[in-house]
Amino acid sequence: MGETTSPENARLTLAERVRSLAYLYQPDDPFTLASGRVSPHFFDMKPVMCDPECAHLLGVLIHDKLNEIGLVDAVGGLELGAVPLTGIAIAKAPVGSELRGFIIRKEPKGRGGRKTGNPPGVEGSTLLSGDRCLILEDVTTTGGSALQACKRLVDIGCEIVGCITILDREEGGADAFSEAGIPLYPLLTLSDITDA
């Protein structure tokens, strides 16, 4: 895939790749998800995020959404899912971009951002009060984890402009984000994978 991949082609190809690399369907032996819910559908996005073709496609789609959203100072999210996505977003940023990346630990380690000034558990680039931050997530079910990350950023004075997720499982996450006043931008939905 070249650098001129259109967002629509990237989305269609990413859906195929997610279907082949990340999706499991077990109606007779359902999975217990991180949210505690039980589902016949399971997505492990790590093989997708670590695949070079998919990383390119994700970069195209993330930056297409960033262009739609407008001014964003920093992108990142909760470990582990947001770590590769943050790297992809920063690596695909245009030359001269001032876009910064951050990672939020699920459990702060206590030593915090000695160099960056960030509070414990917020790693990467320095985040400042007033920064417009975008959350990245691999899979959204209820939205609980990503909304926790949003709260931690709001507590330090950041403005949350939205959340980009690779896949919205269509199980209430969009409603939870809507109730919090935060737009959710799914690159794909469960229907995109199962209706093909």
N, C-alpha and C. Protein backbone atom coordinates (compact mmCIF):
# COMPACT_ATOMS: atom_id res chain seq x y z
N MET A 1 0.84 -1.18 0.00
CA MET A 1 0.00 0.00 0.00
C MET A 1 0.88 1.24 0.00
N GLY A 2 0.58 2.14 -0.85
CA GLY A 2 1.37 3.36 -0.94
C GLY A 2 0.88 4.44 0.01
N GLU A 3 1.61 5.54 0.02
CA GLU A 3 1.27 6.66 0.88
C GLU A 3 -0.01 7.37 0.44
N THR A 4 -0.55 7.03 -0.75
CA THR A 4 -1.72 7.72 -1.24
C THR A 4 -3.00 6.91 -1.01
N THR A 5 -2.99 6.01 -0.06
CA THR A 5 -4.17 5.21 0.25
C THR A 5 -5.31 6.14 0.69
N SER A 6 -6.47 6.01 0.03
CA SER A 6 -7.62 6.83 0.41
C SER A 6 -8.21 6.30 1.72
N PRO A 7 -8.85 7.17 2.49
CA PRO A 7 -9.48 6.70 3.73
C PRO A 7 -10.52 5.59 3.47
N GLU A 8 -11.30 5.71 2.40
CA GLU A 8 -12.31 4.67 2.14
C GLU A 8 -11.65 3.33 1.84
N ASN A 9 -10.60 3.33 1.00
CA ASN A 9 -9.89 2.08 0.72
C ASN A 9 -9.21 1.55 1.98
N ALA A 10 -8.66 2.45 2.79
CA ALA A 10 -8.02 2.03 4.04
C ALA A 10 -9.04 1.35 4.96
N ARG A 11 -10.23 1.91 5.03
CA ARG A 11 -11.27 1.37 5.90
C ARG A 11 -11.70 -0.03 5.44
N LEU A 12 -11.92 -0.18 4.14
CA LEU A 12 -12.34 -1.49 3.61
C LEU A 12 -11.27 -2.54 3.81
N THR A 13 -10.02 -2.17 3.54
CA THR A 13 -8.92 -3.13 3.71
C THR A 13 -8.71 -3.44 5.19
N LEU A 14 -8.81 -2.43 6.04
CA LEU A 14 -8.65 -2.68 7.48
C LEU A 14 -9.72 -3.64 7.98
N ALA A 15 -10.94 -3.50 7.52
CA ALA A 15 -12.01 -4.42 7.94
C ALA A 15 -11.64 -5.86 7.59
N GLU A 16 -11.12 -6.06 6.39
CA GLU A 16 -10.69 -7.41 5.97
C GLU A 16 -9.57 -7.93 6.87
N ARG A 17 -8.61 -7.07 7.16
CA ARG A 17 -7.46 -7.47 7.97
C ARG A 17 -7.89 -7.77 9.41
N VAL A 18 -8.79 -6.95 9.96
CA VAL A 18 -9.30 -7.21 11.32
C VAL A 18 -10.02 -8.55 11.34
N ARG A 19 -10.81 -8.81 10.32
CA ARG A 19 -11.54 -10.07 10.23
C ARG A 19 -10.57 -11.25 10.25
N SER A 20 -9.46 -11.13 9.52
CA SER A 20 -8.53 -12.26 9.42
C SER A 20 -7.54 -12.33 10.58
N LEU A 21 -7.14 -11.19 11.16
CA LEU A 21 -6.10 -11.19 12.19
C LEU A 21 -6.62 -11.12 13.63
N ALA A 22 -7.81 -10.58 13.83
CA ALA A 22 -8.22 -10.23 15.20
C ALA A 22 -9.53 -10.85 15.67
N TYR A 23 -10.36 -11.31 14.77
CA TYR A 23 -11.74 -11.66 15.12
C TYR A 23 -11.92 -13.15 15.37
N LEU A 24 -12.55 -13.47 16.50
CA LEU A 24 -12.95 -14.84 16.82
C LEU A 24 -14.44 -14.85 17.11
N TYR A 25 -15.13 -15.89 16.65
CA TYR A 25 -16.57 -16.02 16.88
C TYR A 25 -16.84 -17.41 17.44
N GLN A 26 -17.37 -17.46 18.66
CA GLN A 26 -17.64 -18.74 19.34
C GLN A 26 -19.02 -18.68 19.99
N PRO A 27 -20.07 -18.93 19.23
CA PRO A 27 -21.42 -18.85 19.81
C PRO A 27 -21.67 -19.92 20.88
N ASP A 28 -20.99 -21.07 20.79
CA ASP A 28 -21.21 -22.15 21.76
C ASP A 28 -20.31 -22.06 22.98
N ASP A 29 -19.28 -21.24 22.91
CA ASP A 29 -18.34 -21.08 24.03
C ASP A 29 -17.95 -19.60 24.11
N PRO A 30 -18.90 -18.73 24.56
CA PRO A 30 -18.66 -17.28 24.51
C PRO A 30 -17.51 -16.83 25.41
N PHE A 31 -17.01 -15.66 25.10
CA PHE A 31 -15.88 -15.06 25.79
C PHE A 31 -16.38 -14.13 26.90
N THR A 32 -15.61 -14.06 28.00
CA THR A 32 -15.85 -13.05 29.02
C THR A 32 -14.90 -11.90 28.72
N LEU A 33 -15.46 -10.73 28.46
CA LEU A 33 -14.69 -9.56 28.06
C LEU A 33 -14.15 -8.81 29.27
N ALA A 34 -13.25 -7.88 29.03
CA ALA A 34 -12.68 -7.05 30.10
C ALA A 34 -13.76 -6.29 30.84
N SER A 35 -14.85 -5.96 30.15
CA SER A 35 -15.96 -5.22 30.77
C SER A 35 -16.78 -6.12 31.69
N GLY A 36 -16.53 -7.44 31.63
CA GLY A 36 -17.31 -8.40 32.41
C GLY A 36 -18.46 -8.99 31.61
N ARG A 37 -18.75 -8.41 30.48
CA ARG A 37 -19.82 -8.93 29.63
C ARG A 37 -19.38 -10.22 28.96
N VAL A 38 -20.38 -11.03 28.57
CA VAL A 38 -20.12 -12.28 27.86
C VAL A 38 -20.60 -12.09 26.43
N SER A 39 -19.78 -12.52 25.47
CA SER A 39 -20.11 -12.32 24.06
C SER A 39 -19.52 -13.44 23.21
N PRO A 40 -20.21 -13.79 22.12
CA PRO A 40 -19.63 -14.75 21.18
C PRO A 40 -18.56 -14.12 20.29
N HIS A 41 -18.45 -12.79 20.33
CA HIS A 41 -17.49 -12.06 19.49
C HIS A 41 -16.30 -11.62 20.33
N PHE A 42 -15.10 -11.89 19.81
CA PHE A 42 -13.89 -11.46 20.51
C PHE A 42 -12.93 -10.85 19.50
N PHE A 43 -12.28 -9.74 19.90
CA PHE A 43 -11.30 -9.07 19.06
C PHE A 43 -10.01 -8.89 19.83
N ASP A 44 -8.92 -9.40 19.28
CA ASP A 44 -7.58 -9.15 19.80
C ASP A 44 -6.88 -8.28 18.78
N MET A 45 -6.83 -6.98 19.05
CA MET A 45 -6.30 -6.03 18.07
C MET A 45 -4.78 -5.95 18.06
N LYS A 46 -4.10 -6.62 18.98
CA LYS A 46 -2.63 -6.52 19.00
C LYS A 46 -2.00 -6.99 17.70
N PRO A 47 -2.44 -8.14 17.12
CA PRO A 47 -1.86 -8.53 15.82
C PRO A 47 -2.13 -7.50 14.72
N VAL A 48 -3.26 -6.80 14.80
CA VAL A 48 -3.58 -5.77 13.82
C VAL A 48 -2.63 -4.58 13.98
N MET A 49 -2.50 -4.10 15.22
CA MET A 49 -1.68 -2.92 15.47
C MET A 49 -0.20 -3.16 15.20
N CYS A 50 0.22 -4.43 15.27
CA CYS A 50 1.64 -4.76 15.07
C CYS A 50 1.94 -5.25 13.66
N ASP A 51 0.97 -5.19 12.78
CA ASP A 51 1.14 -5.59 11.38
C ASP A 51 1.48 -4.35 10.55
N PRO A 52 2.54 -4.37 9.72
CA PRO A 52 2.94 -3.16 9.00
C PRO A 52 1.86 -2.60 8.07
N GLU A 53 1.15 -3.45 7.35
CA GLU A 53 0.09 -2.95 6.46
C GLU A 53 -1.02 -2.30 7.28
N CYS A 54 -1.42 -2.96 8.35
CA CYS A 54 -2.49 -2.43 9.19
C CYS A 54 -2.05 -1.13 9.87
N ALA A 55 -0.79 -1.05 10.28
CA ALA A 55 -0.29 0.18 10.90
C ALA A 55 -0.43 1.34 9.91
N HIS A 56 -0.10 1.09 8.65
CA HIS A 56 -0.26 2.12 7.63
C HIS A 56 -1.73 2.52 7.50
N LEU A 57 -2.63 1.53 7.42
CA LEU A 57 -4.05 1.80 7.28
C LEU A 57 -4.59 2.58 8.48
N LEU A 58 -4.16 2.18 9.67
CA LEU A 58 -4.58 2.89 10.89
C LEU A 58 -4.09 4.33 10.87
N GLY A 59 -2.85 4.52 10.44
CA GLY A 59 -2.31 5.88 10.35
C GLY A 59 -3.12 6.74 9.41
N VAL A 60 -3.48 6.20 8.25
CA VAL A 60 -4.30 6.95 7.29
C VAL A 60 -5.64 7.33 7.92
N LEU A 61 -6.28 6.37 8.57
CA LEU A 61 -7.62 6.60 9.14
C LEU A 61 -7.58 7.52 10.35
N ILE A 62 -6.58 7.36 11.21
CA ILE A 62 -6.47 8.23 12.39
C ILE A 62 -6.26 9.67 11.93
N HIS A 63 -5.37 9.88 10.97
CA HIS A 63 -5.10 11.25 10.53
C HIS A 63 -6.25 11.83 9.72
N ASP A 64 -7.03 10.99 9.06
CA ASP A 64 -8.24 11.47 8.40
C ASP A 64 -9.21 12.02 9.45
N LYS A 65 -9.37 11.29 10.56
CA LYS A 65 -10.24 11.75 11.65
C LYS A 65 -9.66 13.00 12.32
N LEU A 66 -8.35 13.04 12.52
CA LEU A 66 -7.73 14.23 13.12
C LEU A 66 -8.00 15.47 12.26
N ASN A 67 -7.93 15.32 10.95
CA ASN A 67 -8.23 16.44 10.06
C ASN A 67 -9.68 16.89 10.20
N GLU A 68 -10.57 15.92 10.40
CA GLU A 68 -12.00 16.22 10.58
C GLU A 68 -12.24 16.94 11.91
N ILE A 69 -11.55 16.52 12.95
CA ILE A 69 -11.75 17.07 14.29
C ILE A 69 -11.18 18.48 14.40
N GLY A 70 -10.05 18.72 13.78
CA GLY A 70 -9.42 20.03 13.88
C GLY A 70 -8.27 20.01 14.86
N LEU A 71 -8.08 21.12 15.57
CA LEU A 71 -6.93 21.27 16.45
C LEU A 71 -6.90 20.20 17.54
N VAL A 72 -5.83 19.42 17.56
CA VAL A 72 -5.56 18.43 18.60
C VAL A 72 -4.11 18.61 18.99
N ASP A 73 -3.85 18.79 20.30
CA ASP A 73 -2.48 18.98 20.77
C ASP A 73 -1.78 17.65 21.06
N ALA A 74 -2.56 16.66 21.56
CA ALA A 74 -1.93 15.40 21.98
C ALA A 74 -2.90 14.24 21.80
N VAL A 75 -2.33 13.08 21.48
CA VAL A 75 -3.12 11.85 21.34
C VAL A 75 -2.51 10.77 22.23
N GLY A 76 -3.37 9.90 22.72
CA GLY A 76 -2.90 8.79 23.54
C GLY A 76 -4.06 8.16 24.26
N GLY A 77 -3.72 7.30 25.20
CA GLY A 77 -4.78 6.63 25.94
C GLY A 77 -4.23 5.64 26.92
N LEU A 78 -5.12 4.77 27.34
CA LEU A 78 -4.82 3.82 28.40
C LEU A 78 -3.98 2.66 27.86
N GLU A 79 -2.96 2.27 28.66
CA GLU A 79 -2.20 1.09 28.28
C GLU A 79 -3.14 -0.12 28.27
N LEU A 80 -2.97 -1.06 27.54
CA LEU A 80 -1.99 -1.46 26.58
C LEU A 80 -2.42 -1.12 25.16
N GLY A 81 -3.71 -1.09 24.96
CA GLY A 81 -4.23 -0.90 23.60
C GLY A 81 -3.82 0.39 22.93
N ALA A 82 -3.72 1.47 23.71
CA ALA A 82 -3.41 2.77 23.10
C ALA A 82 -1.92 2.94 22.80
N VAL A 83 -1.07 2.10 23.37
CA VAL A 83 0.38 2.29 23.19
C VAL A 83 0.78 2.19 21.72
N PRO A 84 0.45 1.10 21.01
CA PRO A 84 0.83 1.06 19.60
C PRO A 84 0.09 2.10 18.76
N LEU A 85 -1.17 2.38 19.10
CA LEU A 85 -1.93 3.38 18.34
C LEU A 85 -1.30 4.76 18.46
N THR A 86 -0.82 5.09 19.65
CA THR A 86 -0.16 6.38 19.85
C THR A 86 1.10 6.47 18.99
N GLY A 87 1.88 5.40 18.98
CA GLY A 87 3.08 5.36 18.14
C GLY A 87 2.76 5.53 16.67
N ILE A 88 1.69 4.86 16.22
CA ILE A 88 1.28 4.96 14.82
C ILE A 88 0.86 6.39 14.50
N ALA A 89 0.05 6.98 15.38
CA ALA A 89 -0.45 8.35 15.14
C ALA A 89 0.70 9.35 15.08
N ILE A 90 1.67 9.21 15.97
CA ILE A 90 2.80 10.14 15.99
C ILE A 90 3.70 9.91 14.77
N ALA A 91 3.95 8.63 14.44
CA ALA A 91 4.82 8.33 13.30
C ALA A 91 4.22 8.80 11.98
N LYS A 92 2.89 8.80 11.87
CA LYS A 92 2.22 9.19 10.63
C LYS A 92 1.91 10.69 10.58
N ALA A 93 2.26 11.42 11.64
CA ALA A 93 2.01 12.87 11.64
C ALA A 93 2.86 13.53 10.57
N PRO A 94 2.35 14.57 9.92
CA PRO A 94 3.14 15.25 8.89
C PRO A 94 4.43 15.85 9.47
N VAL A 95 5.45 15.96 8.64
CA VAL A 95 6.70 16.58 9.05
C VAL A 95 6.40 17.99 9.55
N GLY A 96 6.95 18.34 10.69
CA GLY A 96 6.71 19.66 11.26
C GLY A 96 5.51 19.72 12.19
N SER A 97 4.77 18.62 12.30
CA SER A 97 3.61 18.59 13.19
C SER A 97 4.06 18.76 14.65
N GLU A 98 3.24 19.40 15.43
CA GLU A 98 3.52 19.55 16.86
C GLU A 98 2.67 18.60 17.70
N LEU A 99 2.03 17.62 17.04
CA LEU A 99 1.22 16.62 17.74
C LEU A 99 2.10 15.84 18.71
N ARG A 100 1.64 15.73 19.95
CA ARG A 100 2.38 15.01 20.98
C ARG A 100 1.63 13.74 21.37
N GLY A 101 2.35 12.79 21.94
CA GLY A 101 1.74 11.54 22.36
C GLY A 101 1.89 11.33 23.86
N PHE A 102 0.94 10.59 24.43
CA PHE A 102 0.98 10.26 25.86
C PHE A 102 0.40 8.87 26.08
N ILE A 103 0.73 8.30 27.21
CA ILE A 103 0.21 7.00 27.62
C ILE A 103 -0.24 7.13 29.07
N ILE A 104 -1.39 6.57 29.37
CA ILE A 104 -1.89 6.57 30.74
C ILE A 104 -1.81 5.15 31.28
N ARG A 105 -1.07 5.01 32.38
CA ARG A 105 -0.98 3.70 33.02
C ARG A 105 -2.27 3.39 33.76
N LYS A 106 -2.66 2.11 33.76
CA LYS A 106 -3.85 1.71 34.52
C LYS A 106 -3.61 1.92 36.01
N GLU A 107 -2.40 1.63 36.45
CA GLU A 107 -2.01 1.85 37.85
C GLU A 107 -0.77 2.72 37.86
N PRO A 108 -0.88 3.95 38.37
CA PRO A 108 0.31 4.82 38.42
C PRO A 108 1.44 4.15 39.19
N LYS A 109 2.68 4.37 38.72
CA LYS A 109 3.84 3.76 39.37
C LYS A 109 4.38 4.62 40.49
N GLY A 110 3.92 5.84 40.62
CA GLY A 110 4.36 6.67 41.73
C GLY A 110 5.48 7.63 41.39
N ARG A 111 6.28 7.29 40.38
CA ARG A 111 7.40 8.19 40.10
C ARG A 111 6.99 9.32 39.15
N GLY A 112 5.88 9.13 38.43
CA GLY A 112 5.33 10.22 37.63
C GLY A 112 6.26 10.75 36.56
N GLY A 113 5.97 11.94 36.13
CA GLY A 113 6.73 12.57 35.06
C GLY A 113 7.82 13.46 35.61
N ARG A 114 8.87 12.87 36.12
CA ARG A 114 9.97 13.66 36.68
C ARG A 114 10.47 14.71 35.71
N LYS A 115 10.58 14.34 34.47
CA LYS A 115 11.10 15.25 33.45
C LYS A 115 9.96 16.05 32.80
N THR A 116 8.79 15.42 32.65
CA THR A 116 7.70 16.06 31.91
C THR A 116 6.80 16.94 32.78
N GLY A 117 6.79 16.69 34.08
CA GLY A 117 5.88 17.42 34.95
C GLY A 117 4.48 16.82 34.99
N ASN A 118 4.26 15.72 34.28
CA ASN A 118 2.95 15.06 34.31
C ASN A 118 2.74 14.39 35.66
N PRO A 119 1.49 14.20 36.07
CA PRO A 119 1.22 13.49 37.32
C PRO A 119 1.57 12.01 37.18
N PRO A 120 1.74 11.30 38.30
CA PRO A 120 2.03 9.87 38.24
C PRO A 120 1.01 9.14 37.37
N GLY A 121 1.52 8.28 36.51
CA GLY A 121 0.66 7.47 35.66
C GLY A 121 0.41 8.06 34.29
N VAL A 122 0.81 9.31 34.06
CA VAL A 122 0.66 9.91 32.73
C VAL A 122 2.07 10.07 32.17
N GLU A 123 2.38 9.30 31.15
CA GLU A 123 3.73 9.22 30.61
C GLU A 123 3.79 9.78 29.20
N GLY A 124 4.99 10.03 28.73
CA GLY A 124 5.17 10.51 27.36
C GLY A 124 5.44 11.99 27.35
N SER A 125 4.85 12.70 26.42
CA SER A 125 5.05 14.14 26.29
C SER A 125 4.38 14.89 27.43
N THR A 126 4.89 16.08 27.70
CA THR A 126 4.29 16.95 28.70
C THR A 126 2.89 17.35 28.27
N LEU A 127 1.93 17.21 29.18
CA LEU A 127 0.56 17.68 28.94
C LEU A 127 0.33 18.91 29.80
N LEU A 128 -0.27 19.92 29.20
CA LEU A 128 -0.50 21.19 29.88
C LEU A 128 -1.99 21.43 30.03
N SER A 129 -2.35 22.14 31.06
CA SER A 129 -3.74 22.56 31.23
C SER A 129 -4.16 23.33 29.98
N GLY A 130 -5.31 22.97 29.44
CA GLY A 130 -5.79 23.60 28.22
C GLY A 130 -5.47 22.82 26.96
N ASP A 131 -4.59 21.82 27.04
CA ASP A 131 -4.30 21.00 25.86
C ASP A 131 -5.57 20.29 25.39
N ARG A 132 -5.73 20.26 24.07
CA ARG A 132 -6.85 19.54 23.46
C ARG A 132 -6.36 18.11 23.17
N CYS A 133 -6.89 17.16 23.91
CA CYS A 133 -6.42 15.77 23.84
C CYS A 133 -7.45 14.86 23.19
N LEU A 134 -6.95 13.92 22.42
CA LEU A 134 -7.78 12.91 21.78
C LEU A 134 -7.37 11.55 22.32
N ILE A 135 -8.35 10.79 22.78
CA ILE A 135 -8.10 9.45 23.31
C ILE A 135 -8.10 8.45 22.16
N LEU A 136 -7.18 7.49 22.23
CA LEU A 136 -7.12 6.39 21.28
C LEU A 136 -7.44 5.10 22.02
N GLU A 137 -8.18 4.21 21.37
CA GLU A 137 -8.55 2.94 21.99
C GLU A 137 -8.62 1.86 20.91
N ASP A 138 -8.27 0.63 21.30
CA ASP A 138 -8.31 -0.44 20.30
C ASP A 138 -9.72 -0.98 20.09
N VAL A 139 -10.42 -1.32 21.18
CA VAL A 139 -11.78 -1.85 21.09
C VAL A 139 -12.64 -1.17 22.15
N THR A 140 -13.82 -0.71 21.76
CA THR A 140 -14.75 -0.07 22.69
C THR A 140 -15.95 -0.98 22.89
N THR A 141 -16.20 -1.32 24.15
CA THR A 141 -17.40 -2.09 24.49
C THR A 141 -18.35 -1.16 25.24
N THR A 142 -18.06 -0.92 26.52
CA THR A 142 -18.90 -0.02 27.31
C THR A 142 -18.34 1.40 27.36
N GLY A 143 -17.07 1.54 26.98
CA GLY A 143 -16.41 2.84 27.04
C GLY A 143 -15.80 3.16 28.39
N GLY A 144 -15.97 2.27 29.36
CA GLY A 144 -15.52 2.55 30.72
C GLY A 144 -14.05 2.86 30.86
N SER A 145 -13.19 2.07 30.25
CA SER A 145 -11.74 2.28 30.38
C SER A 145 -11.30 3.60 29.78
N ALA A 146 -11.76 3.88 28.56
CA ALA A 146 -11.35 5.12 27.91
C ALA A 146 -11.91 6.34 28.64
N LEU A 147 -13.11 6.22 29.19
CA LEU A 147 -13.68 7.35 29.94
C LEU A 147 -12.90 7.60 31.24
N GLN A 148 -12.34 6.54 31.83
CA GLN A 148 -11.46 6.71 32.99
C GLN A 148 -10.23 7.52 32.59
N ALA A 149 -9.66 7.20 31.43
CA ALA A 149 -8.50 7.94 30.94
C ALA A 149 -8.88 9.40 30.71
N CYS A 150 -10.06 9.64 30.17
CA CYS A 150 -10.53 11.01 29.96
C CYS A 150 -10.58 11.77 31.28
N LYS A 151 -11.11 11.14 32.32
CA LYS A 151 -11.22 11.80 33.62
C LYS A 151 -9.85 12.21 34.15
N ARG A 152 -8.87 11.33 33.99
CA ARG A 152 -7.52 11.65 34.48
C ARG A 152 -6.96 12.86 33.75
N LEU A 153 -7.25 13.00 32.47
CA LEU A 153 -6.77 14.16 31.72
C LEU A 153 -7.53 15.43 32.11
N VAL A 154 -8.82 15.31 32.30
CA VAL A 154 -9.62 16.47 32.72
C VAL A 154 -9.13 16.96 34.08
N ASP A 155 -8.74 16.03 34.95
CA ASP A 155 -8.25 16.40 36.28
C ASP A 155 -6.99 17.26 36.22
N ILE A 156 -6.23 17.17 35.11
CA ILE A 156 -5.04 18.01 35.00
C ILE A 156 -5.29 19.22 34.10
N GLY A 157 -6.56 19.42 33.72
CA GLY A 157 -6.93 20.62 32.99
C GLY A 157 -7.00 20.48 31.49
N CYS A 158 -6.89 19.26 30.97
CA CYS A 158 -6.96 19.05 29.53
C CYS A 158 -8.42 19.04 29.06
N GLU A 159 -8.61 19.37 27.80
CA GLU A 159 -9.93 19.29 27.16
C GLU A 159 -9.95 18.04 26.30
N ILE A 160 -10.97 17.21 26.44
CA ILE A 160 -11.08 15.99 25.63
C ILE A 160 -11.92 16.30 24.40
N VAL A 161 -11.33 16.14 23.21
CA VAL A 161 -12.03 16.48 21.97
C VAL A 161 -12.66 15.26 21.31
N GLY A 162 -12.40 14.07 21.83
CA GLY A 162 -13.00 12.87 21.27
C GLY A 162 -12.18 11.64 21.56
N CYS A 163 -12.69 10.51 21.08
CA CYS A 163 -11.99 9.23 21.19
C CYS A 163 -12.09 8.53 19.85
N ILE A 164 -10.93 8.14 19.32
CA ILE A 164 -10.90 7.29 18.12
C ILE A 164 -10.67 5.86 18.60
N THR A 165 -11.55 4.97 18.19
CA THR A 165 -11.39 3.56 18.49
C THR A 165 -11.28 2.78 17.19
N ILE A 166 -10.46 1.74 17.19
CA ILE A 166 -10.39 0.91 15.98
C ILE A 166 -11.76 0.29 15.73
N LEU A 167 -12.38 -0.25 16.82
CA LEU A 167 -13.63 -0.97 16.64
C LEU A 167 -14.59 -0.67 17.77
N ASP A 168 -15.79 -0.24 17.41
CA ASP A 168 -16.89 -0.09 18.37
C ASP A 168 -17.72 -1.37 18.29
N ARG A 169 -17.79 -2.08 19.41
CA ARG A 169 -18.54 -3.34 19.45
C ARG A 169 -20.06 -3.11 19.43
N GLU A 170 -20.48 -1.85 19.44
CA GLU A 170 -21.90 -1.49 19.40
C GLU A 170 -22.66 -2.09 20.59
N GLU A 171 -22.05 -1.96 21.77
CA GLU A 171 -22.66 -2.48 22.99
C GLU A 171 -22.80 -1.40 24.06
N GLY A 172 -23.02 -0.17 23.65
CA GLY A 172 -23.25 0.89 24.61
C GLY A 172 -22.14 1.90 24.77
N GLY A 173 -20.99 1.63 24.21
CA GLY A 173 -19.87 2.56 24.34
C GLY A 173 -20.17 3.93 23.75
N ALA A 174 -20.80 3.95 22.57
CA ALA A 174 -21.12 5.24 21.93
C ALA A 174 -22.06 6.05 22.80
N ASP A 175 -23.03 5.38 23.43
CA ASP A 175 -23.97 6.07 24.33
C ASP A 175 -23.25 6.63 25.54
N ALA A 176 -22.33 5.85 26.11
CA ALA A 176 -21.58 6.31 27.29
C ALA A 176 -20.75 7.54 26.95
N PHE A 177 -20.11 7.54 25.79
CA PHE A 177 -19.34 8.71 25.36
C PHE A 177 -20.26 9.90 25.12
N SER A 178 -21.40 9.65 24.49
CA SER A 178 -22.35 10.72 24.23
C SER A 178 -22.83 11.36 25.53
N GLU A 179 -23.14 10.53 26.52
CA GLU A 179 -23.58 11.04 27.83
C GLU A 179 -22.49 11.87 28.49
N ALA A 180 -21.22 11.53 28.23
CA ALA A 180 -20.09 12.28 28.80
C ALA A 180 -19.77 13.52 27.97
N GLY A 181 -20.47 13.71 26.85
CA GLY A 181 -20.23 14.86 26.00
C GLY A 181 -18.97 14.76 25.17
N ILE A 182 -18.54 13.51 24.91
CA ILE A 182 -17.30 13.27 24.16
C ILE A 182 -17.64 12.49 22.89
N PRO A 183 -17.31 13.01 21.71
CA PRO A 183 -17.59 12.27 20.48
C PRO A 183 -16.74 11.00 20.39
N LEU A 184 -17.36 9.91 19.94
CA LEU A 184 -16.65 8.67 19.67
C LEU A 184 -16.55 8.52 18.15
N TYR A 185 -15.32 8.29 17.68
CA TYR A 185 -15.07 8.14 16.25
C TYR A 185 -14.57 6.72 15.98
N PRO A 186 -15.47 5.77 15.71
CA PRO A 186 -15.02 4.41 15.40
C PRO A 186 -14.50 4.32 13.96
N LEU A 187 -13.38 3.66 13.80
CA LEU A 187 -12.88 3.40 12.45
C LEU A 187 -13.69 2.27 11.82
N LEU A 188 -14.11 1.32 12.67
CA LEU A 188 -14.94 0.19 12.24
C LEU A 188 -15.94 -0.10 13.34
N THR A 189 -17.02 -0.82 12.98
CA THR A 189 -17.98 -1.30 13.98
C THR A 189 -18.09 -2.82 13.87
N LEU A 190 -18.69 -3.42 14.87
CA LEU A 190 -18.92 -4.87 14.84
C LEU A 190 -19.67 -5.25 13.57
N SER A 191 -20.65 -4.43 13.19
CA SER A 191 -21.44 -4.72 11.98
C SER A 191 -20.57 -4.76 10.72
N ASP A 192 -19.53 -3.92 10.68
CA ASP A 192 -18.62 -3.93 9.52
C ASP A 192 -17.93 -5.27 9.38
N ILE A 193 -17.70 -5.94 10.51
CA ILE A 193 -16.97 -7.21 10.50
C ILE A 193 -17.92 -8.38 10.29
N THR A 194 -19.07 -8.36 10.98
CA THR A 194 -19.96 -9.52 10.95
C THR A 194 -20.92 -9.51 9.76
N ASP A 195 -21.17 -8.35 9.15
CA ASP A 195 -22.13 -8.28 8.04
C ASP A 195 -21.48 -8.49 6.68
N ALA A 196 -20.17 -8.74 6.66
CA ALA A 196 -19.47 -8.88 5.38
C ALA A 196 -19.71 -10.24 4.76
